[in-house]
């Protein structure tokens, strides 16, 4: 897991990479692990009734035998250990946030975001919008504009473009059933849209703050190889030796 930014760290902490077979084999070779089936037999020296030593050959356990044991897998590598530790620090930071803010961040950055995350994020933006003075008709449209503002922000932080006025109007039309003319955007909707976009950005900053602190602590450590486990066993904020 590479640490680049708070947004990337949030996403990658909930995403488990799978190394290639050759990469895992190289890791095991570096750690000095030896695995293999060998000849599949064990020779044991025993004594017969006359006290003479005789050799007995027994079949050894092979892969697929019904034996309860822990076998090494592709997850046992220094990279995976580093990933799990870094991910744990990030998830611990996320867990310090209020639950609704966690859902807001998960919708923006989690690889497994759900409709529940979006629903809670939408409610947070709308309840904190302060648009109570609008008329009923305006408030109905602004409510769905808040949903569009979240989706627009997610597109922006993912490297895309902000939703165009026509796209926002289409979202409102689909949910209100009323025809909305994009040509009236500057007059009727631009101010409300800018207000909602600012609210979404503020909530995003709140959600990222504890994660950014952990990321900054990790990045402040001396630059080491991504395979160097020592980089990750230091606690956030601890100075490199």
C-alpha atoms as a PDB file:
ATOM      1  CA  UNK A   1       0.000   0.000   0.000  1.00  0.00           C
ATOM      2  CA  UNK A   2       1.534   3.257  -1.123  1.00  0.00           C
ATOM      3  CA  UNK A   3       0.766   6.358   0.914  1.00  0.00           C
ATOM      4  CA  UNK A   4       0.125   9.272  -1.444  1.00  0.00           C
ATOM      5  CA  UNK A   5      -2.835  11.263  -0.139  1.00  0.00           C
ATOM      6  CA  UNK A   6      -5.647  11.029   2.402  1.00  0.00           C
ATOM      7  CA  UNK A   7      -8.210  10.244  -0.290  1.00  0.00           C
ATOM      8  CA  UNK A   8      -6.067   7.483  -1.783  1.00  0.00           C
ATOM      9  CA  UNK A   9      -5.269   6.082   1.670  1.00  0.00           C
ATOM     10  CA  UNK A  10      -8.981   5.929   2.591  1.00  0.00           C
ATOM     11  CA  UNK A  11      -9.715   3.937  -0.567  1.00  0.00           C
ATOM     12  CA  UNK A  12      -6.717   1.602  -0.378  1.00  0.00           C
ATOM     13  CA  UNK A  13      -7.184   0.834   3.325  1.00  0.00           C
ATOM     14  CA  UNK A  14     -10.459  -0.872   2.362  1.00  0.00           C
ATOM     15  CA  UNK A  15      -9.009  -2.559  -0.711  1.00  0.00           C
ATOM     16  CA  UNK A  16      -6.815  -5.672  -0.451  1.00  0.00           C
ATOM     17  CA  UNK A  17      -4.248  -6.037  -3.207  1.00  0.00           C
ATOM     18  CA  UNK A  18      -3.394  -9.434  -4.621  1.00  0.00           C
ATOM     19  CA  UNK A  19       0.239  -9.954  -5.579  1.00  0.00           C
ATOM     20  CA  UNK A  20       1.148 -12.180  -8.489  1.00  0.00           C
ATOM     21  CA  UNK A  21       2.326 -15.737  -7.865  1.00  0.00           C
ATOM     22  CA  UNK A  22       5.874 -14.840  -8.920  1.00  0.00           C
ATOM     23  CA  UNK A  23       5.939 -11.804  -6.626  1.00  0.00           C
ATOM     24  CA  UNK A  24       4.872 -13.919  -3.656  1.00  0.00           C
ATOM     25  CA  UNK A  25       7.481 -16.555  -4.512  1.00  0.00           C
ATOM     26  CA  UNK A  26      10.147 -13.852  -4.552  1.00  0.00           C
ATOM     27  CA  UNK A  27       8.963 -12.596  -1.165  1.00  0.00           C
ATOM     28  CA  UNK A  28       9.142 -16.091   0.316  1.00  0.00           C
ATOM     29  CA  UNK A  29      12.610 -16.604  -1.113  1.00  0.00           C
ATOM     30  CA  UNK A  30      13.712 -13.322   0.457  1.00  0.00           C
ATOM     31  CA  UNK A  31      12.354 -14.431   3.828  1.00  0.00           C
ATOM     32  CA  UNK A  32      14.057 -17.800   3.527  1.00  0.00           C
ATOM     33  CA  UNK A  33      10.879 -19.865   3.520  1.00  0.00           C
ATOM     34  CA  UNK A  34      11.048 -23.275   1.903  1.00  0.00           C
ATOM     35  CA  UNK A  35       7.970 -25.085   0.743  1.00  0.00           C
ATOM     36  CA  UNK A  36       7.458 -28.153  -1.377  1.00  0.00           C
ATOM     37  CA  UNK A  37       6.223 -31.716  -1.379  1.00  0.00           C
ATOM     38  CA  UNK A  38       9.653 -33.362  -1.555  1.00  0.00           C
ATOM     39  CA  UNK A  39       9.685 -37.060  -2.407  1.00  0.00           C
ATOM     40  CA  UNK A  40       6.434 -37.717  -0.587  1.00  0.00           C
ATOM     41  CA  UNK A  41       7.852 -40.378   1.774  1.00  0.00           C
ATOM     42  CA  UNK A  42       9.570 -40.742   5.146  1.00  0.00           C
ATOM     43  CA  UNK A  43      12.116 -43.461   6.021  1.00  0.00           C
ATOM     44  CA  UNK A  44      12.157 -44.592   9.674  1.00  0.00           C
ATOM     45  CA  UNK A  45      14.671 -46.987  11.278  1.00  0.00           C
ATOM     46  CA  UNK A  46      13.022 -49.598  13.562  1.00  0.00           C
ATOM     47  CA  UNK A  47      14.069 -52.795  15.377  1.00  0.00           C
ATOM     48  CA  UNK A  48      12.638 -56.210  14.519  1.00  0.00           C
ATOM     49  CA  UNK A  49      12.027 -59.140  16.941  1.00  0.00           C
ATOM     50  CA  UNK A  50      15.687 -60.108  16.774  1.00  0.00           C
ATOM     51  CA  UNK A  51      16.889 -56.634  17.676  1.00  0.00           C
ATOM     52  CA  UNK A  52      18.078 -55.907  14.174  1.00  0.00           C
ATOM     53  CA  UNK A  53      17.511 -52.450  12.694  1.00  0.00           C
ATOM     54  CA  UNK A  54      15.319 -52.374   9.632  1.00  0.00           C
ATOM     55  CA  UNK A  55      14.132 -49.503   7.482  1.00  0.00           C
ATOM     56  CA  UNK A  56      10.455 -48.789   7.032  1.00  0.00           C
ATOM     57  CA  UNK A  57       9.098 -46.374   4.445  1.00  0.00           C
ATOM     58  CA  UNK A  58       5.913 -44.420   5.104  1.00  0.00           C
ATOM     59  CA  UNK A  59       4.003 -42.048   2.858  1.00  0.00           C
ATOM     60  CA  UNK A  60       4.186 -38.446   4.029  1.00  0.00           C
ATOM     61  CA  UNK A  61       1.278 -36.046   4.036  1.00  0.00           C
ATOM     62  CA  UNK A  62       0.633 -34.446   0.685  1.00  0.00           C
ATOM     63  CA  UNK A  63      -1.271 -31.399  -0.455  1.00  0.00           C
ATOM     64  CA  UNK A  64      -4.961 -32.170  -0.375  1.00  0.00           C
ATOM     65  CA  UNK A  65      -4.759 -34.566   2.587  1.00  0.00           C
ATOM     66  CA  UNK A  66      -7.510 -34.032   5.125  1.00  0.00           C
ATOM     67  CA  UNK A  67      -5.269 -32.508   7.786  1.00  0.00           C
ATOM     68  CA  UNK A  68      -6.103 -29.439   9.860  1.00  0.00           C
ATOM     69  CA  UNK A  69      -3.062 -27.235   9.677  1.00  0.00           C
ATOM     70  CA  UNK A  70      -2.174 -23.664   8.813  1.00  0.00           C
ATOM     71  CA  UNK A  71      -0.554 -23.496   5.421  1.00  0.00           C
ATOM     72  CA  UNK A  72       1.371 -20.510   4.082  1.00  0.00           C
ATOM     73  CA  UNK A  73      -0.519 -18.578   1.436  1.00  0.00           C
ATOM     74  CA  UNK A  74      -0.150 -15.657  -0.894  1.00  0.00           C
ATOM     75  CA  UNK A  75      -1.044 -13.218   1.874  1.00  0.00           C
ATOM     76  CA  UNK A  76       2.046 -14.071   3.930  1.00  0.00           C
ATOM     77  CA  UNK A  77       4.486 -11.501   2.591  1.00  0.00           C
ATOM     78  CA  UNK A  78       6.181  -8.383   3.877  1.00  0.00           C
ATOM     79  CA  UNK A  79       4.127  -6.249   1.496  1.00  0.00           C
ATOM     80  CA  UNK A  80       0.883  -7.668   2.852  1.00  0.00           C
ATOM     81  CA  UNK A  81       2.013  -7.169   6.447  1.00  0.00           C
ATOM     82  CA  UNK A  82       2.909  -3.561   5.653  1.00  0.00           C
ATOM     83  CA  UNK A  83      -0.438  -3.060   3.934  1.00  0.00           C
ATOM     84  CA  UNK A  84      -2.405  -4.471   6.870  1.00  0.00           C
ATOM     85  CA  UNK A  85      -0.605  -2.281   9.381  1.00  0.00           C
ATOM     86  CA  UNK A  86      -0.967   0.908   7.330  1.00  0.00           C
ATOM     87  CA  UNK A  87      -4.606   0.080   6.578  1.00  0.00           C
ATOM     88  CA  UNK A  88      -5.237  -0.490  10.278  1.00  0.00           C
ATOM     89  CA  UNK A  89      -3.886   2.956  11.147  1.00  0.00           C
ATOM     90  CA  UNK A  90      -6.082   4.564   8.489  1.00  0.00           C
ATOM     91  CA  UNK A  91      -9.208   2.667   9.555  1.00  0.00           C
ATOM     92  CA  UNK A  92      -8.525   3.574  13.174  1.00  0.00           C
ATOM     93  CA  UNK A  93      -8.454   7.240  12.138  1.00  0.00           C
ATOM     94  CA  UNK A  94     -11.716   6.847  10.201  1.00  0.00           C
ATOM     95  CA  UNK A  95     -13.313   5.265  13.258  1.00  0.00           C
ATOM     96  CA  UNK A  96     -12.715   8.456  15.276  1.00  0.00           C
ATOM     97  CA  UNK A  97     -15.203  10.313  13.066  1.00  0.00           C
ATOM     98  CA  UNK A  98     -18.915  10.533  13.904  1.00  0.00           C
ATOM     99  CA  UNK A  99     -20.807   7.711  12.228  1.00  0.00           C
ATOM    100  CA  UNK A 100     -22.641   9.910   9.682  1.00  0.00           C
ATOM    101  CA  UNK A 101     -19.349  11.498   8.615  1.00  0.00           C
ATOM    102  CA  UNK A 102     -17.864   8.039   8.161  1.00  0.00           C
ATOM    103  CA  UNK A 103     -20.705   7.164   5.787  1.00  0.00           C
ATOM    104  CA  UNK A 104     -20.121  10.418   3.917  1.00  0.00           C
ATOM    105  CA  UNK A 105     -16.442   9.574   3.448  1.00  0.00           C
ATOM    106  CA  UNK A 106     -17.191   5.982   2.514  1.00  0.00           C
ATOM    107  CA  UNK A 107     -19.497   7.107  -0.283  1.00  0.00           C
ATOM    108  CA  UNK A 108     -16.754   9.298  -1.729  1.00  0.00           C
ATOM    109  CA  UNK A 109     -13.771   6.989  -1.289  1.00  0.00           C
ATOM    110  CA  UNK A 110     -14.688   3.439  -0.298  1.00  0.00           C
ATOM    111  CA  UNK A 111     -14.398   0.809  -3.066  1.00  0.00           C
ATOM    112  CA  UNK A 112     -17.512  -0.816  -1.583  1.00  0.00           C
ATOM    113  CA  UNK A 113     -19.705   2.272  -1.123  1.00  0.00           C
ATOM    114  CA  UNK A 114     -23.391   1.449  -0.677  1.00  0.00           C
ATOM    115  CA  UNK A 115     -26.710   3.206  -1.230  1.00  0.00           C
ATOM    116  CA  UNK A 116     -26.917   3.557   2.548  1.00  0.00           C
ATOM    117  CA  UNK A 117     -23.710   5.619   2.494  1.00  0.00           C
ATOM    118  CA  UNK A 118     -25.170   7.872  -0.202  1.00  0.00           C
ATOM    119  CA  UNK A 119     -28.484   8.238   1.628  1.00  0.00           C
ATOM    120  CA  UNK A 120     -26.805   9.309   4.870  1.00  0.00           C
ATOM    121  CA  UNK A 121     -24.427  11.650   3.035  1.00  0.00           C
ATOM    122  CA  UNK A 122     -27.391  13.251   1.251  1.00  0.00           C
ATOM    123  CA  UNK A 123     -29.210  13.775   4.532  1.00  0.00           C
ATOM    124  CA  UNK A 124     -26.137  15.367   6.124  1.00  0.00           C
ATOM    125  CA  UNK A 125     -25.685  17.863   3.305  1.00  0.00           C
ATOM    126  CA  UNK A 126     -29.349  18.817   3.229  1.00  0.00           C
ATOM    127  CA  UNK A 127     -29.789  19.177   6.999  1.00  0.00           C
ATOM    128  CA  UNK A 128     -26.724  21.411   7.230  1.00  0.00           C
ATOM    129  CA  UNK A 129     -27.565  23.467   4.133  1.00  0.00           C
ATOM    130  CA  UNK A 130     -29.596  26.155   5.921  1.00  0.00           C
ATOM    131  CA  UNK A 131     -31.949  26.607   2.955  1.00  0.00           C
ATOM    132  CA  UNK A 132     -35.125  26.774   5.041  1.00  0.00           C
ATOM    133  CA  UNK A 133     -36.129  30.186   3.677  1.00  0.00           C
ATOM    134  CA  UNK A 134     -36.736  28.896   0.162  1.00  0.00           C
ATOM    135  CA  UNK A 135     -40.259  28.367  -1.107  1.00  0.00           C
ATOM    136  CA  UNK A 136     -41.664  24.846  -1.090  1.00  0.00           C
ATOM    137  CA  UNK A 137     -41.033  24.480  -4.819  1.00  0.00           C
ATOM    138  CA  UNK A 138     -37.481  25.770  -4.526  1.00  0.00           C
ATOM    139  CA  UNK A 139     -36.754  23.596  -1.496  1.00  0.00           C
ATOM    140  CA  UNK A 140     -37.994  20.493  -3.312  1.00  0.00           C
ATOM    141  CA  UNK A 141     -35.584  21.141  -6.166  1.00  0.00           C
ATOM    142  CA  UNK A 142     -32.742  22.163  -3.852  1.00  0.00           C
ATOM    143  CA  UNK A 143     -33.168  18.887  -1.946  1.00  0.00           C
ATOM    144  CA  UNK A 144     -32.292  16.925  -5.067  1.00  0.00           C
ATOM    145  CA  UNK A 145     -29.604  19.417  -6.005  1.00  0.00           C
ATOM    146  CA  UNK A 146     -27.891  18.388  -2.758  1.00  0.00           C
ATOM    147  CA  UNK A 147     -27.773  14.809  -4.032  1.00  0.00           C
ATOM    148  CA  UNK A 148     -26.339  16.004  -7.337  1.00  0.00           C
ATOM    149  CA  UNK A 149     -23.741  18.096  -5.479  1.00  0.00           C
ATOM    150  CA  UNK A 150     -22.439  14.988  -3.690  1.00  0.00           C
ATOM    151  CA  UNK A 151     -22.234  13.034  -6.939  1.00  0.00           C
ATOM    152  CA  UNK A 152     -20.523  15.979  -8.616  1.00  0.00           C
ATOM    153  CA  UNK A 153     -17.954  16.218  -5.819  1.00  0.00           C
ATOM    154  CA  UNK A 154     -17.245  12.497  -6.054  1.00  0.00           C
ATOM    155  CA  UNK A 155     -16.593  12.894  -9.758  1.00  0.00           C
ATOM    156  CA  UNK A 156     -14.222  15.811  -9.106  1.00  0.00           C
ATOM    157  CA  UNK A 157     -12.145  14.028  -6.437  1.00  0.00           C
ATOM    158  CA  UNK A 158     -11.932  11.019  -8.758  1.00  0.00           C
ATOM    159  CA  UNK A 159     -10.291  13.177 -11.408  1.00  0.00           C
ATOM    160  CA  UNK A 160     -13.395  14.047 -13.428  1.00  0.00           C
ATOM    161  CA  UNK A 161     -15.297  17.218 -14.206  1.00  0.00           C
ATOM    162  CA  UNK A 162     -18.010  18.905 -12.170  1.00  0.00           C
ATOM    163  CA  UNK A 163     -21.561  18.058 -13.199  1.00  0.00           C
ATOM    164  CA  UNK A 164     -22.751  20.435 -15.885  1.00  0.00           C
ATOM    165  CA  UNK A 165     -25.963  22.457 -15.318  1.00  0.00           C
ATOM    166  CA  UNK A 166     -27.792  20.257 -17.807  1.00  0.00           C
ATOM    167  CA  UNK A 167     -26.839  17.125 -15.862  1.00  0.00           C
ATOM    168  CA  UNK A 168     -27.999  18.642 -12.575  1.00  0.00           C
ATOM    169  CA  UNK A 169     -31.296  19.684 -14.153  1.00  0.00           C
ATOM    170  CA  UNK A 170     -31.782  16.154 -15.465  1.00  0.00           C
ATOM    171  CA  UNK A 171     -31.281  14.727 -11.966  1.00  0.00           C
ATOM    172  CA  UNK A 172     -33.918  17.110 -10.600  1.00  0.00           C
ATOM    173  CA  UNK A 173     -36.319  16.322 -13.436  1.00  0.00           C
ATOM    174  CA  UNK A 174     -36.043  12.570 -12.884  1.00  0.00           C
ATOM    175  CA  UNK A 175     -36.965  12.949  -9.222  1.00  0.00           C
ATOM    176  CA  UNK A 176     -39.520  15.757  -9.274  1.00  0.00           C
ATOM    177  CA  UNK A 177     -41.199  15.023 -12.598  1.00  0.00           C
ATOM    178  CA  UNK A 178     -41.073  18.727 -13.465  1.00  0.00           C
ATOM    179  CA  UNK A 179     -39.490  20.161 -16.591  1.00  0.00           C
ATOM    180  CA  UNK A 180     -36.457  22.261 -15.665  1.00  0.00           C
ATOM    181  CA  UNK A 181     -34.883  24.503 -18.270  1.00  0.00           C
ATOM    182  CA  UNK A 182     -31.056  24.647 -18.035  1.00  0.00           C
ATOM    183  CA  UNK A 183     -31.113  28.052 -19.733  1.00  0.00           C
ATOM    184  CA  UNK A 184     -32.473  29.485 -16.458  1.00  0.00           C
ATOM    185  CA  UNK A 185     -29.581  28.046 -14.459  1.00  0.00           C
ATOM    186  CA  UNK A 186     -27.759  31.307 -13.752  1.00  0.00           C
ATOM    187  CA  UNK A 187     -30.964  33.012 -12.606  1.00  0.00           C
ATOM    188  CA  UNK A 188     -32.653  30.257 -10.585  1.00  0.00           C
ATOM    189  CA  UNK A 189     -30.106  27.662  -9.503  1.00  0.00           C
ATOM    190  CA  UNK A 190     -26.469  28.802  -9.700  1.00  0.00           C
ATOM    191  CA  UNK A 191     -26.420  30.446  -6.259  1.00  0.00           C
ATOM    192  CA  UNK A 192     -28.014  27.463  -4.508  1.00  0.00           C
ATOM    193  CA  UNK A 193     -25.698  25.080  -6.355  1.00  0.00           C
ATOM    194  CA  UNK A 194     -22.594  26.994  -5.249  1.00  0.00           C
ATOM    195  CA  UNK A 195     -23.875  26.991  -1.651  1.00  0.00           C
ATOM    196  CA  UNK A 196     -24.465  23.232  -1.655  1.00  0.00           C
ATOM    197  CA  UNK A 197     -21.127  22.515  -3.327  1.00  0.00           C
ATOM    198  CA  UNK A 198     -19.397  24.495  -0.571  1.00  0.00           C
ATOM    199  CA  UNK A 199     -21.216  22.458   2.087  1.00  0.00           C
ATOM    200  CA  UNK A 200     -20.136  19.194   0.463  1.00  0.00           C
ATOM    201  CA  UNK A 201     -16.545  20.385   0.275  1.00  0.00           C
ATOM    202  CA  UNK A 202     -16.624  21.334   3.961  1.00  0.00           C
ATOM    203  CA  UNK A 203     -17.903  17.906   4.989  1.00  0.00           C
ATOM    204  CA  UNK A 204     -15.244  16.298   2.821  1.00  0.00           C
ATOM    205  CA  UNK A 205     -12.527  18.249   4.622  1.00  0.00           C
ATOM    206  CA  UNK A 206     -13.968  17.216   7.990  1.00  0.00           C
ATOM    207  CA  UNK A 207     -13.990  13.553   6.995  1.00  0.00           C
ATOM    208  CA  UNK A 208     -10.427  13.635   5.670  1.00  0.00           C
ATOM    209  CA  UNK A 209      -8.850  15.515   8.585  1.00  0.00           C
ATOM    210  CA  UNK A 210      -7.941  12.543  10.863  1.00  0.00           C
ATOM    211  CA  UNK A 211      -6.866  10.450   7.878  1.00  0.00           C
ATOM    212  CA  UNK A 212      -4.665  13.285   6.620  1.00  0.00           C
ATOM    213  CA  UNK A 213      -2.943  13.459  10.017  1.00  0.00           C
ATOM    214  CA  UNK A 214      -2.014   9.778   9.827  1.00  0.00           C
ATOM    215  CA  UNK A 215      -0.868  10.123   6.219  1.00  0.00           C
ATOM    216  CA  UNK A 216       1.279  13.123   7.108  1.00  0.00           C
ATOM    217  CA  UNK A 217       2.883  11.180   9.957  1.00  0.00           C
ATOM    218  CA  UNK A 218       3.671   8.244   7.686  1.00  0.00           C
ATOM    219  CA  UNK A 219       5.075  10.450   4.946  1.00  0.00           C
ATOM    220  CA  UNK A 220       7.214  12.393   7.419  1.00  0.00           C
ATOM    221  CA  UNK A 221       9.188   9.242   8.214  1.00  0.00           C
ATOM    222  CA  UNK A 222      12.355   8.677   6.235  1.00  0.00           C
ATOM    223  CA  UNK A 223      11.850   7.286   2.750  1.00  0.00           C
ATOM    224  CA  UNK A 224      12.432   3.537   2.727  1.00  0.00           C
ATOM    225  CA  UNK A 225      11.664   0.755   0.330  1.00  0.00           C
ATOM    226  CA  UNK A 226       8.013  -0.270   0.179  1.00  0.00           C
ATOM    227  CA  UNK A 227       9.190  -3.752   1.176  1.00  0.00           C
ATOM    228  CA  UNK A 228      10.985  -2.504   4.288  1.00  0.00           C
ATOM    229  CA  UNK A 229       8.861  -3.547   7.240  1.00  0.00           C
ATOM    230  CA  UNK A 230      10.653  -1.148   9.603  1.00  0.00           C
ATOM    231  CA  UNK A 231       8.878   1.766   7.946  1.00  0.00           C
ATOM    232  CA  UNK A 232       5.514   0.496   9.105  1.00  0.00           C
ATOM    233  CA  UNK A 233       6.281  -0.734  12.613  1.00  0.00           C
ATOM    234  CA  UNK A 234       6.999   2.823  13.735  1.00  0.00           C
ATOM    235  CA  UNK A 235       3.975   4.505  15.211  1.00  0.00           C
ATOM    236  CA  UNK A 236       2.628   7.675  13.525  1.00  0.00           C
ATOM    237  CA  UNK A 237       4.616  10.674  14.654  1.00  0.00           C
ATOM    238  CA  UNK A 238       7.579   8.644  15.895  1.00  0.00           C
ATOM    239  CA  UNK A 239      10.858   9.918  14.519  1.00  0.00           C
ATOM    240  CA  UNK A 240      12.997   7.690  12.393  1.00  0.00           C
ATOM    241  CA  UNK A 241      16.163   6.487  14.075  1.00  0.00           C
END
